[in-house]
Amino acid sequence: VKQETGLACLAFSSTDSRSIIGNVQQQNWRIVFDVANSQIGFAQEQCAAPA
């Protein structure tokens, strides 16, 4: 896989149990689940003020 700045690859697969995306990977991202339309959306967001 060719690595590029600002590019990420995320794959999803079905499972019989629950899956969790780690809290570090979710930091500063808004993740929106549109169940009715079977879609998922991602947007960068500054979630915390600088320390």
PDB file of N, CA and C in Angstrom:
ATOM      1  N   VAL A   1       0.842  -1.173   0.000  1.00  0.00           N
ATOM      2  CA  VAL A   1       0.000   0.000   0.000  1.00  0.00           C
ATOM      3  C   VAL A   1       0.883   1.230   0.000  1.00  0.00           C
ATOM      4  N   LYS A   2       0.659   2.112  -0.960  1.00  0.00           N
ATOM      5  CA  LYS A   2       1.416   3.353  -1.043  1.00  0.00           C
ATOM      6  C   LYS A   2       0.914   4.325   0.023  1.00  0.00           C
ATOM      7  N   GLN A   3       1.826   4.865   0.824  1.00  0.00           N
ATOM      8  CA  GLN A   3       1.454   5.806   1.873  1.00  0.00           C
ATOM      9  C   GLN A   3       1.530   7.230   1.352  1.00  0.00           C
ATOM     10  N   GLU A   4       0.495   8.020   1.652  1.00  0.00           N
ATOM     11  CA  GLU A   4       0.465   9.426   1.274  1.00  0.00           C
ATOM     12  C   GLU A   4      -0.045  10.245   2.444  1.00  0.00           C
ATOM     13  N   THR A   5       0.481  11.447   2.605  1.00  0.00           N
ATOM     14  CA  THR A   5       0.017  12.338   3.650  1.00  0.00           C
ATOM     15  C   THR A   5      -1.431  12.714   3.394  1.00  0.00           C
ATOM     16  N   GLY A   6      -2.253  12.635   4.439  1.00  0.00           N
ATOM     17  CA  GLY A   6      -3.654  13.028   4.319  1.00  0.00           C
ATOM     18  C   GLY A   6      -4.551  11.957   3.733  1.00  0.00           C
ATOM     19  N   LEU A   7      -4.025  10.770   3.513  1.00  0.00           N
ATOM     20  CA  LEU A   7      -4.817   9.693   2.934  1.00  0.00           C
ATOM     21  C   LEU A   7      -4.897   8.550   3.929  1.00  0.00           C
ATOM     22  N   ALA A   8      -6.094   8.036   4.129  1.00  0.00           N
ATOM     23  CA  ALA A   8      -6.280   6.906   5.042  1.00  0.00           C
ATOM     24  C   ALA A   8      -7.167   5.866   4.385  1.00  0.00           C
ATOM     25  N   CYS A   9      -6.946   4.632   4.731  1.00  0.00           N
ATOM     26  CA  CYS A   9      -7.759   3.537   4.219  1.00  0.00           C
ATOM     27  C   CYS A   9      -8.428   2.862   5.407  1.00  0.00           C
ATOM     28  N   LEU A  10      -9.719   2.685   5.338  1.00  0.00           N
ATOM     29  CA  LEU A  10     -10.467   2.056   6.412  1.00  0.00           C
ATOM     30  C   LEU A  10     -11.404   1.031   5.801  1.00  0.00           C
ATOM     31  N   ALA A  11     -11.314  -0.196   6.246  1.00  0.00           N
ATOM     32  CA  ALA A  11     -12.156  -1.264   5.698  1.00  0.00           C
ATOM     33  C   ALA A  11     -13.135  -1.756   6.753  1.00  0.00           C
ATOM     34  N   PHE A  12     -14.316  -2.131   6.312  1.00  0.00           N
ATOM     35  CA  PHE A  12     -15.336  -2.676   7.199  1.00  0.00           C
ATOM     36  C   PHE A  12     -15.712  -4.062   6.716  1.00  0.00           C
ATOM     37  N   SER A  13     -16.040  -4.923   7.654  1.00  0.00           N
ATOM     38  CA  SER A  13     -16.463  -6.274   7.318  1.00  0.00           C
ATOM     39  C   SER A  13     -17.523  -6.712   8.319  1.00  0.00           C
ATOM     40  N   SER A  14     -18.425  -7.561   7.901  1.00  0.00           N
ATOM     41  CA  SER A  14     -19.467  -8.033   8.809  1.00  0.00           C
ATOM     42  C   SER A  14     -18.867  -8.984   9.846  1.00  0.00           C
ATOM     43  N   THR A  15     -19.524  -9.045  11.003  1.00  0.00           N
ATOM     44  CA  THR A  15     -19.089  -9.912  12.085  1.00  0.00           C
ATOM     45  C   THR A  15     -20.301 -10.312  12.913  1.00  0.00           C
ATOM     46  N   ASP A  16     -20.180 -11.396  13.630  1.00  0.00           N
ATOM     47  CA  ASP A  16     -21.266 -11.839  14.501  1.00  0.00           C
ATOM     48  C   ASP A  16     -21.207 -11.180  15.872  1.00  0.00           C
ATOM     49  N   SER A  17     -20.139 -10.448  16.147  1.00  0.00           N
ATOM     50  CA  SER A  17     -19.998  -9.776  17.436  1.00  0.00           C
ATOM     51  C   SER A  17     -19.756  -8.288  17.212  1.00  0.00           C
ATOM     52  N   ARG A  18     -19.681  -7.537  18.289  1.00  0.00           N
ATOM     53  CA  ARG A  18     -19.464  -6.096  18.195  1.00  0.00           C
ATOM     54  C   ARG A  18     -18.018  -5.787  17.822  1.00  0.00           C
ATOM     55  N   SER A  19     -17.850  -4.714  17.083  1.00  0.00           N
ATOM     56  CA  SER A  19     -16.515  -4.238  16.719  1.00  0.00           C
ATOM     57  C   SER A  19     -16.351  -2.819  17.239  1.00  0.00           C
ATOM     58  N   ILE A  20     -15.140  -2.468  17.612  1.00  0.00           N
ATOM     59  CA  ILE A  20     -14.874  -1.142  18.158  1.00  0.00           C
ATOM     60  C   ILE A  20     -13.692  -0.528  17.419  1.00  0.00           C
ATOM     61  N   ILE A  21     -13.867   0.696  16.919  1.00  0.00           N
ATOM     62  CA  ILE A  21     -12.751   1.465  16.375  1.00  0.00           C
ATOM     63  C   ILE A  21     -12.127   2.169  17.572  1.00  0.00           C
ATOM     64  N   GLY A  22     -10.844   2.022  17.788  1.00  0.00           N
ATOM     65  CA  GLY A  22     -10.173   2.541  18.971  1.00  0.00           C
ATOM     66  C   GLY A  22     -10.333   4.041  19.171  1.00  0.00           C
ATOM     67  N   ASN A  23     -10.298   4.455  20.443  1.00  0.00           N
ATOM     68  CA  ASN A  23     -10.505   5.861  20.774  1.00  0.00           C
ATOM     69  C   ASN A  23      -9.411   6.759  20.214  1.00  0.00           C
ATOM     70  N   VAL A  24      -8.196   6.258  20.041  1.00  0.00           N
ATOM     71  CA  VAL A  24      -7.124   7.078  19.477  1.00  0.00           C
ATOM     72  C   VAL A  24      -7.424   7.385  18.014  1.00  0.00           C
ATOM     73  N   GLN A  25      -7.924   6.395  17.279  1.00  0.00           N
ATOM     74  CA  GLN A  25      -8.248   6.588  15.873  1.00  0.00           C
ATOM     75  C   GLN A  25      -9.429   7.541  15.696  1.00  0.00           C
ATOM     76  N   GLN A  26     -10.292   7.657  16.700  1.00  0.00           N
ATOM     77  CA  GLN A  26     -11.477   8.506  16.596  1.00  0.00           C
ATOM     78  C   GLN A  26     -11.221   9.952  17.027  1.00  0.00           C
ATOM     79  N   GLN A  27     -10.085  10.238  17.640  1.00  0.00           N
ATOM     80  CA  GLN A  27      -9.833  11.578  18.154  1.00  0.00           C
ATOM     81  C   GLN A  27      -9.842  12.605  17.030  1.00  0.00           C
ATOM     82  N   ASN A  28     -10.555  13.710  17.265  1.00  0.00           N
ATOM     83  CA  ASN A  28     -10.685  14.835  16.336  1.00  0.00           C
ATOM     84  C   ASN A  28     -11.377  14.464  15.029  1.00  0.00           C
ATOM     85  N   TRP A  29     -12.251  13.480  15.091  1.00  0.00           N
ATOM     86  CA  TRP A  29     -13.080  13.089  13.954  1.00  0.00           C
ATOM     87  C   TRP A  29     -14.534  13.012  14.386  1.00  0.00           C
ATOM     88  N   ARG A  30     -15.427  13.554  13.589  1.00  0.00           N
ATOM     89  CA  ARG A  30     -16.864  13.361  13.790  1.00  0.00           C
ATOM     90  C   ARG A  30     -17.266  12.202  12.883  1.00  0.00           C
ATOM     91  N   ILE A  31     -17.864  11.191  13.489  1.00  0.00           N
ATOM     92  CA  ILE A  31     -18.305  10.011  12.745  1.00  0.00           C
ATOM     93  C   ILE A  31     -19.824   9.968  12.820  1.00  0.00           C
ATOM     94  N   VAL A  32     -20.459   9.966  11.658  1.00  0.00           N
ATOM     95  CA  VAL A  32     -21.919  10.010  11.575  1.00  0.00           C
ATOM     96  C   VAL A  32     -22.415   8.712  10.946  1.00  0.00           C
ATOM     97  N   PHE A  33     -23.347   8.059  11.627  1.00  0.00           N
ATOM     98  CA  PHE A  33     -23.942   6.823  11.128  1.00  0.00           C
ATOM     99  C   PHE A  33     -25.355   7.117  10.651  1.00  0.00           C
ATOM    100  N   ASP A  34     -25.616   6.939   9.375  1.00  0.00           N
ATOM    101  CA  ASP A  34     -26.944   7.123   8.783  1.00  0.00           C
ATOM    102  C   ASP A  34     -27.520   5.730   8.533  1.00  0.00           C
ATOM    103  N   VAL A  35     -28.176   5.195   9.556  1.00  0.00           N
ATOM    104  CA  VAL A  35     -28.686   3.828   9.484  1.00  0.00           C
ATOM    105  C   VAL A  35     -29.765   3.703   8.422  1.00  0.00           C
ATOM    106  N   ALA A  36     -30.646   4.689   8.331  1.00  0.00           N
ATOM    107  CA  ALA A  36     -31.756   4.634   7.375  1.00  0.00           C
ATOM    108  C   ALA A  36     -31.273   4.497   5.937  1.00  0.00           C
ATOM    109  N   ASN A  37     -30.140   5.147   5.606  1.00  0.00           N
ATOM    110  CA  ASN A  37     -29.608   5.114   4.241  1.00  0.00           C
ATOM    111  C   ASN A  37     -28.367   4.234   4.102  1.00  0.00           C
ATOM    112  N   SER A  38     -28.034   3.486   5.150  1.00  0.00           N
ATOM    113  CA  SER A  38     -26.873   2.578   5.147  1.00  0.00           C
ATOM    114  C   SER A  38     -25.590   3.293   4.733  1.00  0.00           C
ATOM    115  N   GLN A  39     -25.329   4.462   5.367  1.00  0.00           N
ATOM    116  CA  GLN A  39     -24.127   5.234   5.053  1.00  0.00           C
ATOM    117  C   GLN A  39     -23.404   5.615   6.333  1.00  0.00           C
ATOM    118  N   ILE A  40     -22.115   5.875   6.186  1.00  0.00           N
ATOM    119  CA  ILE A  40     -21.299   6.360   7.286  1.00  0.00           C
ATOM    120  C   ILE A  40     -20.500   7.550   6.764  1.00  0.00           C
ATOM    121  N   GLY A  41     -20.345   8.582   7.591  1.00  0.00           N
ATOM    122  CA  GLY A  41     -19.616   9.770   7.163  1.00  0.00           C
ATOM    123  C   GLY A  41     -18.543  10.140   8.171  1.00  0.00           C
ATOM    124  N   PHE A  42     -17.452  10.737   7.674  1.00  0.00           N
ATOM    125  CA  PHE A  42     -16.334  11.156   8.509  1.00  0.00           C
ATOM    126  C   PHE A  42     -16.001  12.607   8.189  1.00  0.00           C
ATOM    127  N   ALA A  43     -15.716  13.401   9.221  1.00  0.00           N
ATOM    128  CA  ALA A  43     -15.271  14.777   9.023  1.00  0.00           C
ATOM    129  C   ALA A  43     -14.290  15.129  10.134  1.00  0.00           C
ATOM    130  N   GLN A  44     -13.190  15.785   9.781  1.00  0.00           N
ATOM    131  CA  GLN A  44     -12.245  16.222  10.804  1.00  0.00           C
ATOM    132  C   GLN A  44     -12.885  17.321  11.630  1.00  0.00           C
ATOM    133  N   GLU A  45     -12.634  17.286  12.943  1.00  0.00           N
ATOM    134  CA  GLU A  45     -13.211  18.268  13.852  1.00  0.00           C
ATOM    135  C   GLU A  45     -12.277  18.423  15.041  1.00  0.00           C
ATOM    136  N   GLN A  46     -12.024  19.652  15.450  1.00  0.00           N
ATOM    137  CA  GLN A  46     -11.209  19.900  16.635  1.00  0.00           C
ATOM    138  C   GLN A  46     -12.098  19.705  17.855  1.00  0.00           C
ATOM    139  N   CYS A  47     -11.935  18.597  18.547  1.00  0.00           N
ATOM    140  CA  CYS A  47     -12.842  18.218  19.639  1.00  0.00           C
ATOM    141  C   CYS A  47     -12.450  18.804  20.987  1.00  0.00           C
ATOM    142  N   ALA A  48     -11.219  19.196  21.163  1.00  0.00           N
ATOM    143  CA  ALA A  48     -10.778  19.713  22.452  1.00  0.00           C
ATOM    144  C   ALA A  48      -9.905  20.943  22.242  1.00  0.00           C
ATOM    145  N   ALA A  49      -9.999  21.859  23.188  1.00  0.00           N
ATOM    146  CA  ALA A  49      -9.164  23.059  23.135  1.00  0.00           C
ATOM    147  C   ALA A  49      -7.715  22.670  23.434  1.00  0.00           C
ATOM    148  N   PRO A  50      -6.745  23.351  22.825  1.00  0.00           N
ATOM    149  CA  PRO A  50      -5.334  23.055  23.113  1.00  0.00           C
ATOM    150  C   PRO A  50      -5.030  23.234  24.592  1.00  0.00           C
ATOM    151  N   ALA A  51      -4.175  22.386  25.122  1.00  0.00           N
ATOM    152  CA  ALA A  51      -3.822  22.448  26.551  1.00  0.00           C
ATOM    153  C   ALA A  51      -2.805  23.528  26.805  1.00  0.00           C
TER     154      ALA A  51
END
